Amino acid sequence: MIDLSGKLPGSIKSIGLLVSVEPFYARVYIYQPGFPDSSQSCCRNMPNSVLELPVIDGRFCVRQSQPRMKWKLQIISRPNEVV
């Protein structure tokens, strides 16, 4: 689990994540804790992909498709921030 609750302002409703994986055929699944049916997958045969995720409480679960794969997440946008 990744806990960003203390790092994201409460006004943010969604974030854009740039996800990079190695090897390129691997997949990463990201979802809200307790809601695995809401998972979003990325990087199907591509080295990176962008996911738009809703921010509920700032916590995310990450599941990987390969045992020794490498992955990296980077926040690239906060489009729905309420001012």
C-alpha atoms as a PDB file:
ATOM      1  CA  MET A   1       0.000   0.000   0.000  1.00  0.00           C
ATOM      2  CA  ILE A   2       1.086   3.553  -0.750  1.00  0.00           C
ATOM      3  CA  ASP A   3      -0.106   6.200   1.701  1.00  0.00           C
ATOM      4  CA  LEU A   4      -0.116   9.731   0.301  1.00  0.00           C
ATOM      5  CA  SER A   5      -2.760  11.028   2.706  1.00  0.00           C
ATOM      6  CA  GLY A   6      -0.332  13.376   4.463  1.00  0.00           C
ATOM      7  CA  LYS A   7       1.194  14.611   1.205  1.00  0.00           C
ATOM      8  CA  LEU A   8      -1.899  15.512  -0.829  1.00  0.00           C
ATOM      9  CA  PRO A   9      -4.073  18.537  -0.056  1.00  0.00           C
ATOM     10  CA  GLY A  10      -7.637  17.611   0.900  1.00  0.00           C
ATOM     11  CA  SER A  11      -9.033  19.616  -2.019  1.00  0.00           C
ATOM     12  CA  ILE A  12      -7.592  17.233  -4.642  1.00  0.00           C
ATOM     13  CA  LYS A  13     -10.225  14.941  -6.155  1.00  0.00           C
ATOM     14  CA  SER A  14      -8.025  13.100  -8.681  1.00  0.00           C
ATOM     15  CA  ILE A  15      -4.406  12.761  -9.756  1.00  0.00           C
ATOM     16  CA  GLY A  16      -2.587  11.744 -12.900  1.00  0.00           C
ATOM     17  CA  LEU A  17       0.114   9.126 -12.411  1.00  0.00           C
ATOM     18  CA  LEU A  18       2.906   8.309 -14.814  1.00  0.00           C
ATOM     19  CA  VAL A  19       3.625   4.611 -14.308  1.00  0.00           C
ATOM     20  CA  SER A  20       6.824   3.022 -15.628  1.00  0.00           C
ATOM     21  CA  VAL A  21       7.460  -0.732 -15.608  1.00  0.00           C
ATOM     22  CA  GLU A  22      10.293  -3.141 -16.406  1.00  0.00           C
ATOM     23  CA  PRO A  23      10.027  -5.482 -18.237  1.00  0.00           C
ATOM     24  CA  PHE A  24       7.734  -3.712 -20.712  1.00  0.00           C
ATOM     25  CA  TYR A  25       5.242  -6.621 -20.858  1.00  0.00           C
ATOM     26  CA  ALA A  26       4.530  -6.480 -17.111  1.00  0.00           C
ATOM     27  CA  ARG A  27       1.415  -4.893 -15.620  1.00  0.00           C
ATOM     28  CA  VAL A  28       0.725  -2.862 -12.507  1.00  0.00           C
ATOM     29  CA  TYR A  29      -2.740  -2.689 -10.940  1.00  0.00           C
ATOM     30  CA  ILE A  30      -3.640   0.277  -8.714  1.00  0.00           C
ATOM     31  CA  TYR A  31      -6.824   0.469  -6.636  1.00  0.00           C
ATOM     32  CA  GLN A  32      -8.377   1.991  -3.523  1.00  0.00           C
ATOM     33  CA  PRO A  33      -7.922  -0.119  -0.347  1.00  0.00           C
ATOM     34  CA  GLY A  34     -10.927  -2.352   0.171  1.00  0.00           C
ATOM     35  CA  PHE A  35     -12.129  -1.937  -3.429  1.00  0.00           C
ATOM     36  CA  PRO A  36     -10.076  -4.326  -5.635  1.00  0.00           C
ATOM     37  CA  ASP A  37     -12.847  -4.275  -8.255  1.00  0.00           C
ATOM     38  CA  SER A  38     -11.982  -0.625  -8.915  1.00  0.00           C
ATOM     39  CA  SER A  39      -8.462  -1.486 -10.054  1.00  0.00           C
ATOM     40  CA  GLN A  40      -6.906   0.201 -13.058  1.00  0.00           C
ATOM     41  CA  SER A  41      -4.119  -1.535 -14.930  1.00  0.00           C
ATOM     42  CA  CYS A  42      -1.430  -0.029 -17.033  1.00  0.00           C
ATOM     43  CA  CYS A  43       1.479  -0.567 -19.331  1.00  0.00           C
ATOM     44  CA  ARG A  44       0.206  -3.409 -21.518  1.00  0.00           C
ATOM     45  CA  ASN A  45       3.271  -4.010 -23.671  1.00  0.00           C
ATOM     46  CA  MET A  46       4.434  -0.431 -23.204  1.00  0.00           C
ATOM     47  CA  PRO A  47       7.217   0.783 -20.887  1.00  0.00           C
ATOM     48  CA  ASN A  48       5.013   3.512 -19.361  1.00  0.00           C
ATOM     49  CA  SER A  49       1.467   4.759 -19.184  1.00  0.00           C
ATOM     50  CA  VAL A  50      -0.625   7.492 -17.568  1.00  0.00           C
ATOM     51  CA  LEU A  51      -3.493   6.695 -15.197  1.00  0.00           C
ATOM     52  CA  GLU A  52      -6.097   9.112 -13.859  1.00  0.00           C
ATOM     53  CA  LEU A  53      -7.032   8.033 -10.320  1.00  0.00           C
ATOM     54  CA  PRO A  54      -9.674   9.368  -7.964  1.00  0.00           C
ATOM     55  CA  VAL A  55      -8.342  10.452  -4.579  1.00  0.00           C
ATOM     56  CA  ILE A  56     -10.613   9.297  -1.760  1.00  0.00           C
ATOM     57  CA  ASP A  57      -8.380   9.182   1.300  1.00  0.00           C
ATOM     58  CA  GLY A  58      -4.914   9.333  -0.297  1.00  0.00           C
ATOM     59  CA  ARG A  59      -4.167   5.620   0.026  1.00  0.00           C
ATOM     60  CA  PHE A  60      -3.631   3.259  -2.910  1.00  0.00           C
ATOM     61  CA  CYS A  61      -2.889  -0.453  -3.223  1.00  0.00           C
ATOM     62  CA  VAL A  62      -0.485  -1.639  -5.904  1.00  0.00           C
ATOM     63  CA  ARG A  63      -0.369  -5.174  -7.293  1.00  0.00           C
ATOM     64  CA  GLN A  64       2.225  -6.326  -9.820  1.00  0.00           C
ATOM     65  CA  SER A  65       1.963  -9.067 -12.433  1.00  0.00           C
ATOM     66  CA  GLN A  66       5.563 -10.329 -12.251  1.00  0.00           C
ATOM     67  CA  PRO A  67       7.465 -11.331  -9.084  1.00  0.00           C
ATOM     68  CA  ARG A  68      10.706  -9.383  -9.685  1.00  0.00           C
ATOM     69  CA  MET A  69       9.524  -6.595 -11.909  1.00  0.00           C
ATOM     70  CA  LYS A  70      10.414  -2.943 -11.335  1.00  0.00           C
ATOM     71  CA  TRP A  71       7.877  -0.143 -11.299  1.00  0.00           C
ATOM     72  CA  LYS A  72       7.863   3.562 -10.564  1.00  0.00           C
ATOM     73  CA  LEU A  73       4.975   5.972  -9.963  1.00  0.00           C
ATOM     74  CA  GLN A  74       5.197   9.728 -10.456  1.00  0.00           C
ATOM     75  CA  ILE A  75       2.408  12.256  -9.893  1.00  0.00           C
ATOM     76  CA  ILE A  76       2.211  14.387 -13.030  1.00  0.00           C
ATOM     77  CA  SER A  77      -1.046  16.320 -12.614  1.00  0.00           C
ATOM     78  CA  ARG A  78      -3.724  17.398 -10.197  1.00  0.00           C
ATOM     79  CA  PRO A  79      -6.499  18.441 -12.582  1.00  0.00           C
ATOM     80  CA  ASN A  80      -9.491  18.555 -10.235  1.00  0.00           C
ATOM     81  CA  GLU A  81      -8.104  20.633  -7.399  1.00  0.00           C
ATOM     82  CA  VAL A  82     -10.746  22.882  -5.875  1.00  0.00           C
ATOM     83  CA  VAL A  83      -9.483  26.421  -5.265  1.00  0.00           C
END
